[in-house]
């Protein structure tokens, strides 16, 4: 895998957010949002 899960949780809007960082020597961060 080229991404590592940093954490997850409900962040105020009722959706589940999973924060990731790409494991390619960069500090680029992104977030997946799962509608519930």
C-alpha atoms as a PDB file:
ATOM      1  CA  UNK A   1       0.000   0.000   0.000  1.00  0.00           C
ATOM      2  CA  UNK A   2       1.127   3.539  -0.703  1.00  0.00           C
ATOM      3  CA  UNK A   3      -0.869   5.107   2.104  1.00  0.00           C
ATOM      4  CA  UNK A   4      -0.952   4.737   5.864  1.00  0.00           C
ATOM      5  CA  UNK A   5      -4.004   5.303   8.004  1.00  0.00           C
ATOM      6  CA  UNK A   6      -3.249   7.924  10.635  1.00  0.00           C
ATOM      7  CA  UNK A   7      -6.595   8.021  12.364  1.00  0.00           C
ATOM      8  CA  UNK A   8     -10.313   8.260  11.965  1.00  0.00           C
ATOM      9  CA  UNK A   9     -13.273   9.775  13.679  1.00  0.00           C
ATOM     10  CA  UNK A  10     -16.419  11.787  13.385  1.00  0.00           C
ATOM     11  CA  UNK A  11     -15.479  15.418  12.842  1.00  0.00           C
ATOM     12  CA  UNK A  12     -18.506  17.566  13.548  1.00  0.00           C
ATOM     13  CA  UNK A  13     -20.440  16.851  10.368  1.00  0.00           C
ATOM     14  CA  UNK A  14     -21.716  13.344  11.094  1.00  0.00           C
ATOM     15  CA  UNK A  15     -19.444  11.714   8.523  1.00  0.00           C
ATOM     16  CA  UNK A  16     -16.549   9.362   9.183  1.00  0.00           C
ATOM     17  CA  UNK A  17     -13.205  10.845   8.160  1.00  0.00           C
ATOM     18  CA  UNK A  18     -10.102   8.727   7.628  1.00  0.00           C
ATOM     19  CA  UNK A  19      -6.912  10.739   7.498  1.00  0.00           C
ATOM     20  CA  UNK A  20      -4.020   9.317   5.491  1.00  0.00           C
ATOM     21  CA  UNK A  21      -0.491  10.281   4.548  1.00  0.00           C
ATOM     22  CA  UNK A  22       1.186   8.969   1.418  1.00  0.00           C
ATOM     23  CA  UNK A  23       4.147   6.739   2.195  1.00  0.00           C
ATOM     24  CA  UNK A  24       6.403   8.201  -0.480  1.00  0.00           C
ATOM     25  CA  UNK A  25       8.662  10.450   1.548  1.00  0.00           C
ATOM     26  CA  UNK A  26       6.288  13.390   1.352  1.00  0.00           C
ATOM     27  CA  UNK A  27       4.104  15.114   3.897  1.00  0.00           C
ATOM     28  CA  UNK A  28       1.074  15.238   1.623  1.00  0.00           C
ATOM     29  CA  UNK A  29      -2.071  14.519   3.601  1.00  0.00           C
ATOM     30  CA  UNK A  30      -5.552  13.705   2.391  1.00  0.00           C
ATOM     31  CA  UNK A  31      -8.843  12.593   3.834  1.00  0.00           C
ATOM     32  CA  UNK A  32     -11.489  10.133   2.772  1.00  0.00           C
ATOM     33  CA  UNK A  33     -15.045  10.901   3.801  1.00  0.00           C
ATOM     34  CA  UNK A  34     -17.515   8.069   4.268  1.00  0.00           C
ATOM     35  CA  UNK A  35     -21.151   9.146   4.168  1.00  0.00           C
ATOM     36  CA  UNK A  36     -23.169   7.482   6.892  1.00  0.00           C
END
